[in-house]
Amino acid sequence: MYLDNSATTKISSEVLEEMLPYLKDEFGNPSTLYSVGRESKKALEEARQRIADSINAKKDEIIFTSGGSESDNLAIKGVAFKLQKKGKHIITSEIEHPAVKETLHFLESLDFKVTYLPVYENGIIKIDDLKEAITPETILITIMHGNNEIGTLQPIEEIGKIARENKILFHTDAVQTFGKVEVDVEKQNIDLLSVSSHKINGPKGVGAIYIKKGVRLVPLIHGGGQERGIRSGTENVAGIVGFGKAAELACSQLDEHAEKLSKIRDEIIEKVLDTIPESYLNGDRDQRLPNVINFRFKAIEGESLILLLDAKGYQTSTGSACSSKTLEASPVLTALGLDPVDVHGSLRISLAPESGEFDIDEFVEAIAQSVERLRKMSPLWNNDLDYNKIVGRE
């Protein structure tokens, strides 16, 4: 049972079917003038319209990229380099995806100033903190819509309103929320937005950035001037076609899937917290994605839990797939104020619409058995030892 859909999703049969012609017969370069190229160009523009419709944008406000990371880089660096004469201050949160945080660290090396807003124990920023962080030098606010590890949702409509009132551009990484909850760039006051295909049952290696009409960026990739000169390079036509179809399917069934997944999510949360002693939910209980759960279990090691669950047929994770090979404590969970020892005992479960066909009781029992087995081997769970002293709290 695959339960790591925040890492990536299985491509749907409808998406694959729509892509196949552009992998073989309709192979033309969309920048050429003859018929096979014109067919590719037509398919490209139809996909662009599908993406635009899914976020209430205009077609010419969508630029295709290689994925969420490139879109984040283009939004943040593009604005920073374009507006650096106006100011060099950017506001973000402590729990952004590495594609945002590492981009900001790079800009800091070029003398840009970055304010990292705290998220507190519920994983959500406070609007008052945002207001206080704004200076005359602030040119960009970049705060993700939904977190990829704990699933908490930020108040982006209110963030966007404050940004607009202060004439500051607002970018949001919507890679995890696109196709799962409402994303409306007009209603939510968004100037730049990043999305990715492989999180919504589309192909890997393709994404898009929404750039509100009138917003100017410095391009990262220069060349033949494709994508309105903002992102040069021959477009991945088959991937883009698949992305367009995946977006259309996800957004047409958004409410139905959100309701279904929220029920499964809530049932898992209730049963785990009721069944397993010293188990905790990370992030806000209600303001979260319908498909993401993040637990922590005292006195165990998360990677070992993942391996035991895998042996029982359940594929889960400890957090972000982009940093799963590091032994460092999750920066996201640490930002919640959790002890690093507790952070290492985390489990992320991320659902997809097809995840509904499994026995939740059996899954919870598998978690409980695995946690119990690990605790029997853990010196931190030995009743003869003082847990607080071991982790240095006394």
Protein backbone atom coordinates (compact mmCIF):
# COMPACT_ATOMS: atom_id res chain seq x y z
CA MET A 1 0.00 0.00 0.00
CA TYR A 2 1.63 3.20 -1.20
CA LEU A 3 1.10 6.00 1.33
CA ASP A 4 3.82 8.49 0.38
CA ASN A 5 1.95 10.59 -2.17
CA SER A 6 3.51 13.85 -0.98
CA ALA A 7 6.79 12.50 -2.38
CA THR A 8 5.28 11.59 -5.75
CA THR A 9 2.16 10.02 -7.21
CA LYS A 10 1.40 7.27 -9.67
CA ILE A 11 0.68 8.56 -13.16
CA SER A 12 -2.97 7.96 -14.03
CA SER A 13 -4.03 5.90 -17.03
CA GLU A 14 -5.98 8.85 -18.49
CA VAL A 15 -2.89 11.06 -18.31
CA LEU A 16 -0.61 8.43 -19.86
CA GLU A 17 -3.06 7.82 -22.69
CA GLU A 18 -3.14 11.52 -23.56
CA MET A 19 0.68 11.74 -23.50
CA LEU A 20 1.44 8.74 -25.73
CA PRO A 21 0.89 10.38 -29.15
CA TYR A 22 3.40 13.12 -28.24
CA LEU A 23 6.02 10.56 -27.31
CA LYS A 24 5.88 8.94 -30.75
CA ASP A 25 3.93 10.25 -33.73
CA GLU A 26 3.26 13.88 -32.72
CA PHE A 27 6.94 14.50 -31.97
CA GLY A 28 7.31 17.95 -33.52
CA ASN A 29 9.13 20.89 -31.99
CA PRO A 30 6.43 23.43 -31.09
CA SER A 31 8.61 26.30 -32.30
CA THR A 32 8.62 25.05 -35.91
CA LEU A 33 6.18 26.18 -38.61
CA TYR A 34 5.29 22.92 -40.41
CA SER A 35 2.30 20.74 -39.52
CA VAL A 36 3.84 18.35 -36.98
CA GLY A 37 5.28 21.33 -35.10
CA ARG A 38 1.96 23.19 -35.23
CA GLU A 39 0.21 20.17 -33.71
CA SER A 40 2.67 20.18 -30.82
CA LYS A 41 2.17 23.93 -30.37
CA LYS A 42 -1.59 23.47 -30.31
CA ALA A 43 -1.32 20.76 -27.65
CA LEU A 44 1.04 22.96 -25.64
CA GLU A 45 -1.42 25.86 -25.63
CA GLU A 46 -4.36 23.63 -24.74
CA ALA A 47 -2.43 22.38 -21.71
CA ARG A 48 -1.55 25.96 -20.77
CA GLN A 49 -5.24 26.84 -20.82
CA ARG A 50 -6.06 23.85 -18.61
CA ILE A 51 -3.50 24.94 -16.00
CA ALA A 52 -4.74 28.53 -16.16
CA ASP A 53 -8.36 27.48 -15.72
CA SER A 54 -7.46 25.37 -12.68
CA ILE A 55 -6.13 28.38 -10.74
CA ASN A 56 -8.37 31.14 -12.22
CA ALA A 57 -5.55 32.69 -14.22
CA LYS A 58 -5.16 33.88 -17.81
CA LYS A 59 -3.46 31.58 -20.30
CA ASP A 60 -0.56 33.97 -20.99
CA GLU A 61 0.20 34.10 -17.24
CA ILE A 62 1.35 30.45 -17.24
CA ILE A 63 4.98 29.55 -17.98
CA PHE A 64 6.02 25.88 -18.14
CA THR A 65 9.13 24.73 -16.26
CA SER A 66 10.82 21.48 -15.29
CA GLY A 67 9.00 21.32 -11.94
CA GLY A 68 8.32 22.99 -8.61
CA SER A 69 11.97 23.62 -7.74
CA GLU A 70 12.65 25.51 -10.95
CA SER A 71 9.43 27.47 -10.55
CA ASP A 72 10.41 28.48 -7.00
CA ASN A 73 13.88 29.50 -8.15
CA LEU A 74 12.51 31.51 -11.05
CA ALA A 75 9.97 33.33 -8.89
CA ILE A 76 12.35 34.23 -6.07
CA LYS A 77 15.57 34.95 -7.99
CA GLY A 78 13.65 36.53 -10.84
CA VAL A 79 12.00 39.06 -8.53
CA ALA A 80 15.11 39.60 -6.40
CA PHE A 81 17.33 40.45 -9.37
CA LYS A 82 14.65 42.58 -11.03
CA LEU A 83 13.83 44.67 -7.95
CA GLN A 84 17.15 44.77 -6.09
CA LYS A 85 17.55 48.49 -6.75
CA LYS A 86 14.25 49.05 -4.94
CA GLY A 87 15.15 46.85 -1.96
CA LYS A 88 16.87 43.61 -0.94
CA HIS A 89 14.61 42.33 1.83
CA ILE A 90 12.51 39.15 1.52
CA ILE A 91 10.11 37.60 4.04
CA THR A 92 9.49 33.86 4.30
CA SER A 93 8.65 31.23 6.94
CA GLU A 94 10.84 28.80 8.86
CA ILE A 95 9.21 25.75 7.27
CA GLU A 96 9.59 26.35 3.54
CA HIS A 97 10.57 23.62 1.10
CA PRO A 98 14.34 23.38 0.38
CA ALA A 99 13.67 24.76 -3.12
CA VAL A 100 12.71 28.02 -1.42
CA LYS A 101 15.04 27.98 1.58
CA GLU A 102 18.18 27.11 -0.38
CA THR A 103 17.34 29.75 -2.98
CA LEU A 104 17.06 32.32 -0.20
CA HIS A 105 20.33 31.16 1.34
CA PHE A 106 21.96 31.76 -2.05
CA LEU A 107 20.51 35.28 -2.17
CA GLU A 108 21.76 35.93 1.35
CA SER A 109 25.27 35.25 0.04
CA LEU A 110 24.64 38.14 -2.37
CA ASP A 111 23.72 40.50 0.50
CA PHE A 112 19.96 40.10 0.36
CA LYS A 113 18.30 40.13 3.78
CA VAL A 114 15.77 37.43 4.66
CA THR A 115 13.35 37.37 7.59
CA TYR A 116 12.23 33.86 8.59
CA LEU A 117 8.86 34.03 10.34
CA PRO A 118 8.28 31.52 13.17
CA VAL A 119 5.38 29.07 12.88
CA TYR A 120 4.86 28.08 16.53
CA GLU A 121 3.66 24.66 17.60
CA ASN A 122 0.71 24.50 15.20
CA GLY A 123 2.92 25.08 12.16
CA ILE A 124 1.22 28.32 11.10
CA ILE A 125 2.63 31.84 10.96
CA LYS A 126 1.03 34.73 12.83
CA ILE A 127 -0.19 37.62 10.70
CA ASP A 128 1.05 40.15 13.26
CA ASP A 129 4.58 38.76 12.86
CA LEU A 130 4.31 39.29 9.11
CA LYS A 131 3.13 42.88 9.49
CA GLU A 132 5.97 43.65 11.89
CA ALA A 133 8.57 42.15 9.53
CA ILE A 134 7.71 44.44 6.60
CA THR A 135 10.18 47.25 5.95
CA PRO A 136 10.53 49.87 3.18
CA GLU A 137 13.15 47.52 1.67
CA THR A 138 10.79 44.50 1.41
CA ILE A 139 10.29 43.44 -2.21
CA LEU A 140 8.90 39.91 -1.85
CA ILE A 141 6.95 37.69 0.53
CA THR A 142 7.30 33.97 -0.24
CA ILE A 143 5.29 31.65 2.00
CA MET A 144 4.14 28.17 1.00
CA HIS A 145 0.44 27.35 0.79
CA GLY A 146 0.61 23.87 2.34
CA ASN A 147 3.58 22.24 4.02
CA ASN A 148 4.97 19.08 2.43
CA GLU A 149 5.89 17.42 5.76
CA ILE A 150 3.16 18.29 8.24
CA GLY A 151 0.41 19.39 5.86
CA THR A 152 -0.50 22.64 7.61
CA LEU A 153 -2.15 25.35 5.52
CA GLN A 154 -1.05 28.96 5.75
CA PRO A 155 -3.55 31.88 5.55
CA ILE A 156 -2.35 32.86 2.09
CA GLU A 157 -5.38 34.96 1.18
CA GLU A 158 -4.70 37.22 4.15
CA ILE A 159 -0.96 37.17 3.47
CA GLY A 160 -1.62 38.18 -0.13
CA LYS A 161 -3.93 41.00 0.98
CA ILE A 162 -1.26 42.44 3.28
CA ALA A 163 1.35 42.14 0.53
CA ARG A 164 -0.89 43.97 -1.91
CA GLU A 165 -1.70 46.73 0.57
CA ASN A 166 2.02 47.29 1.02
CA LYS A 167 2.82 47.01 -2.71
CA ILE A 168 4.97 43.94 -2.14
CA LEU A 169 4.95 40.94 -4.48
CA PHE A 170 3.62 37.69 -3.02
CA HIS A 171 4.81 34.25 -4.13
CA THR A 172 3.46 30.96 -2.81
CA ASP A 173 4.73 27.43 -3.35
CA ALA A 174 1.48 25.56 -4.05
CA VAL A 175 3.09 22.29 -5.12
CA GLN A 176 1.38 20.32 -2.32
CA THR A 177 -1.99 22.11 -2.44
CA PHE A 178 -2.61 22.35 -6.18
CA GLY A 179 -5.34 19.86 -7.11
CA LYS A 180 -6.13 19.11 -3.46
CA VAL A 181 -7.58 22.34 -2.08
CA GLU A 182 -8.81 25.51 -3.73
CA VAL A 183 -6.11 27.59 -5.42
CA ASP A 184 -7.45 30.85 -6.86
CA VAL A 185 -4.80 33.43 -7.71
CA GLU A 186 -7.32 36.28 -7.92
CA LYS A 187 -9.23 35.52 -4.74
CA GLN A 188 -6.05 34.76 -2.79
CA ASN A 189 -4.13 37.86 -3.98
CA ILE A 190 -1.24 35.87 -5.47
CA ASP A 191 1.34 37.43 -7.80
CA LEU A 192 3.51 34.34 -8.39
CA LEU A 193 2.71 30.67 -7.79
CA SER A 194 4.61 27.41 -8.25
CA VAL A 195 2.97 24.09 -9.17
CA SER A 196 4.20 20.64 -10.17
CA SER A 197 2.80 17.76 -12.20
CA HIS A 198 4.00 14.67 -10.36
CA LYS A 199 2.09 15.50 -7.16
CA ILE A 200 -1.28 15.14 -8.93
CA ASN A 201 -0.87 11.87 -10.85
CA GLY A 202 0.97 13.52 -13.72
CA PRO A 203 4.47 12.88 -15.11
CA LYS A 204 7.70 13.93 -13.39
CA GLY A 205 9.95 16.63 -14.80
CA VAL A 206 7.29 19.24 -15.59
CA GLY A 207 5.77 22.10 -13.65
CA ALA A 208 4.60 25.66 -14.12
CA ILE A 209 4.84 29.12 -12.67
CA TYR A 210 1.98 31.60 -12.64
CA ILE A 211 3.18 35.18 -13.15
CA LYS A 212 0.50 37.82 -12.73
CA LYS A 213 0.23 40.13 -15.72
CA GLY A 214 2.45 43.14 -15.16
CA VAL A 215 4.97 41.35 -12.92
CA ARG A 216 8.45 41.35 -14.43
CA LEU A 217 11.20 38.80 -13.73
CA VAL A 218 14.82 38.33 -14.72
CA PRO A 219 14.99 34.94 -16.52
CA LEU A 220 17.21 32.18 -15.15
CA ILE A 221 17.61 30.30 -18.43
CA HIS A 222 18.54 32.22 -21.57
CA GLY A 223 18.40 30.85 -25.09
CA GLY A 224 15.87 30.63 -27.87
CA GLY A 225 13.22 32.71 -26.12
CA GLN A 226 10.58 30.01 -25.63
CA GLU A 227 7.86 30.59 -23.02
CA ARG A 228 7.68 34.32 -23.76
CA GLY A 229 11.41 34.65 -23.19
CA ILE A 230 11.01 33.85 -19.50
CA ARG A 231 12.12 30.21 -19.72
CA SER A 232 14.12 29.31 -22.82
CA GLY A 233 14.50 25.72 -23.99
CA THR A 234 12.46 23.36 -26.15
CA GLU A 235 9.34 22.47 -24.21
CA ASN A 236 8.65 18.97 -22.87
CA VAL A 237 5.47 18.63 -24.94
CA ALA A 238 4.44 15.13 -23.81
CA GLY A 239 5.03 16.02 -20.17
CA ILE A 240 3.14 19.30 -20.49
CA VAL A 241 0.20 17.56 -22.17
CA GLY A 242 0.13 15.05 -19.31
CA PHE A 243 0.34 17.87 -16.74
CA GLY A 244 -2.60 19.64 -18.35
CA LYS A 245 -4.72 16.50 -18.24
CA ALA A 246 -3.71 15.73 -14.65
CA ALA A 247 -4.64 19.27 -13.58
CA GLU A 248 -8.00 19.04 -15.33
CA LEU A 249 -8.81 15.71 -13.68
CA ALA A 250 -7.64 16.74 -10.20
CA CYS A 251 -9.48 20.04 -10.15
CA SER A 252 -12.71 18.64 -11.61
CA GLN A 253 -12.89 16.17 -8.69
CA LEU A 254 -11.29 18.39 -6.04
CA ASP A 255 -14.23 18.66 -3.62
CA GLU A 256 -15.13 14.99 -3.91
CA HIS A 257 -11.56 13.84 -3.29
CA ALA A 258 -10.99 16.34 -0.46
CA GLU A 259 -14.06 15.09 1.39
CA LYS A 260 -13.09 11.44 0.90
CA LEU A 261 -9.47 11.90 1.94
CA SER A 262 -10.34 14.09 4.94
CA LYS A 263 -12.49 11.30 6.35
CA ILE A 264 -9.72 8.74 5.94
CA ARG A 265 -7.17 11.19 7.38
CA ASP A 266 -9.29 11.93 10.44
CA GLU A 267 -10.03 8.26 11.09
CA ILE A 268 -6.33 7.40 11.00
CA ILE A 269 -5.48 10.29 13.33
CA GLU A 270 -8.13 9.36 15.88
CA LYS A 271 -7.28 5.65 15.90
CA VAL A 272 -3.51 6.14 16.15
CA LEU A 273 -3.79 8.68 18.98
CA ASP A 274 -6.28 6.45 20.82
CA THR A 275 -4.31 3.22 20.28
CA ILE A 276 -0.64 4.12 20.74
CA PRO A 277 0.62 5.65 24.01
CA GLU A 278 2.82 8.75 23.73
CA SER A 279 1.79 9.40 20.13
CA TYR A 280 1.25 12.95 18.91
CA LEU A 281 0.00 14.75 15.80
CA ASN A 282 2.42 17.29 14.34
CA GLY A 283 0.88 20.50 13.05
CA ASP A 284 -2.58 21.98 13.35
CA ARG A 285 -5.44 19.54 13.78
CA ASP A 286 -7.83 21.30 11.41
CA GLN A 287 -5.89 23.73 9.19
CA ARG A 288 -4.21 21.02 7.13
CA LEU A 289 -4.27 19.33 3.77
CA PRO A 290 -6.93 16.63 3.41
CA ASN A 291 -4.33 14.00 2.56
CA VAL A 292 -1.34 14.59 4.89
CA ILE A 293 -0.77 13.30 8.43
CA ASN A 294 2.44 13.60 10.46
CA PHE A 295 2.82 11.75 13.77
CA ARG A 296 5.63 11.51 16.25
CA PHE A 297 6.13 8.60 18.62
CA LYS A 298 8.20 9.00 21.75
CA ALA A 299 11.38 6.93 22.14
CA ILE A 300 11.60 5.45 18.66
CA GLU A 301 13.60 6.14 15.50
CA GLY A 302 11.55 7.05 12.44
CA GLU A 303 13.66 5.38 9.77
CA SER A 304 13.36 2.05 11.58
CA LEU A 305 9.59 2.50 11.75
CA ILE A 306 9.48 3.10 7.98
CA LEU A 307 11.39 -0.14 7.35
CA LEU A 308 9.13 -2.18 9.63
CA LEU A 309 6.02 -0.78 7.96
CA ASP A 310 7.52 -1.46 4.53
CA ALA A 311 8.02 -5.10 5.56
CA LYS A 312 4.31 -5.18 6.40
CA GLY A 313 3.41 -3.78 2.97
CA TYR A 314 2.96 -0.06 3.78
CA GLN A 315 5.16 2.55 2.11
CA THR A 316 5.38 5.73 4.17
CA SER A 317 8.08 8.27 5.06
CA THR A 318 9.55 10.31 7.88
CA GLY A 319 9.16 13.60 6.05
CA SER A 320 10.29 15.35 2.88
CA ALA A 321 11.59 13.05 0.14
CA CYS A 322 13.88 15.91 -0.90
CA SER A 323 15.91 15.54 2.31
CA SER A 324 15.14 12.00 3.46
CA LYS A 325 18.76 10.83 3.22
CA THR A 326 20.06 13.31 5.78
CA LEU A 327 20.45 12.29 9.42
CA GLU A 328 19.72 15.82 10.65
CA ALA A 329 16.51 16.50 12.54
CA SER A 330 13.75 17.83 10.30
CA PRO A 331 13.94 21.67 10.19
CA VAL A 332 10.16 21.74 9.82
CA LEU A 333 9.49 19.74 12.98
CA THR A 334 12.25 21.55 14.84
CA ALA A 335 10.56 24.85 13.92
CA LEU A 336 7.49 23.66 15.85
CA GLY A 337 9.60 23.80 19.00
CA LEU A 338 9.94 20.02 19.32
CA ASP A 339 12.90 18.30 20.96
CA PRO A 340 15.31 16.88 18.31
CA VAL A 341 15.06 13.45 19.96
CA ASP A 342 11.28 13.48 19.50
CA VAL A 343 11.59 14.81 15.96
CA HIS A 344 13.48 11.68 14.89
CA GLY A 345 10.45 9.57 15.80
CA SER A 346 8.21 11.02 13.09
CA LEU A 347 6.00 9.32 10.51
CA ARG A 348 4.40 11.00 7.50
CA ILE A 349 1.39 9.41 5.83
CA SER A 350 0.21 11.06 2.61
CA LEU A 351 -2.87 9.80 0.83
CA ALA A 352 -4.16 9.93 -2.75
CA PRO A 353 -7.68 9.38 -4.12
CA GLU A 354 -6.80 5.75 -4.84
CA SER A 355 -5.68 5.27 -1.20
CA GLY A 356 -9.24 4.65 -0.05
CA GLU A 357 -9.10 0.95 -0.80
CA PHE A 358 -7.28 -0.32 2.29
CA ASP A 359 -8.18 -1.48 5.78
CA ILE A 360 -7.50 1.40 8.17
CA ASP A 361 -7.72 -0.81 11.27
CA GLU A 362 -5.08 -3.15 9.88
CA PHE A 363 -2.85 -0.21 9.02
CA VAL A 364 -3.14 1.32 12.49
CA GLU A 365 -2.44 -2.09 14.03
CA ALA A 366 0.68 -2.38 11.86
CA ILE A 367 1.88 0.99 13.16
CA ALA A 368 1.11 0.02 16.75
CA GLN A 369 2.94 -3.30 16.46
CA SER A 370 5.96 -1.64 14.86
CA VAL A 371 6.13 1.11 17.47
CA GLU A 372 5.83 -1.45 20.29
CA ARG A 373 8.62 -3.56 18.79
CA LEU A 374 10.95 -0.58 18.49
CA ARG A 375 10.19 0.60 22.01
CA LYS A 376 11.13 -2.78 23.43
CA MET A 377 14.60 -2.21 21.97
CA SER A 378 14.81 1.45 22.94
CA PRO A 379 16.71 2.54 26.06
CA LEU A 380 14.55 5.66 26.03
CA TRP A 381 11.44 3.55 26.66
CA ASN A 382 12.90 1.32 29.38
CA ASN A 383 10.80 1.83 32.49
CA ASP A 384 13.91 1.60 34.64
CA LEU A 385 15.34 4.74 33.06
CA ASP A 386 14.29 8.37 33.34
CA TYR A 387 13.37 9.53 29.84
CA ASN A 388 13.72 13.22 30.67
CA LYS A 389 17.25 12.76 32.01
CA ILE A 390 18.34 10.76 28.95
CA VAL A 391 17.24 13.48 26.51
CA GLY A 392 18.77 16.18 28.68
CA ARG A 393 15.62 17.85 29.96
CA GLU A 394 16.79 17.55 33.58
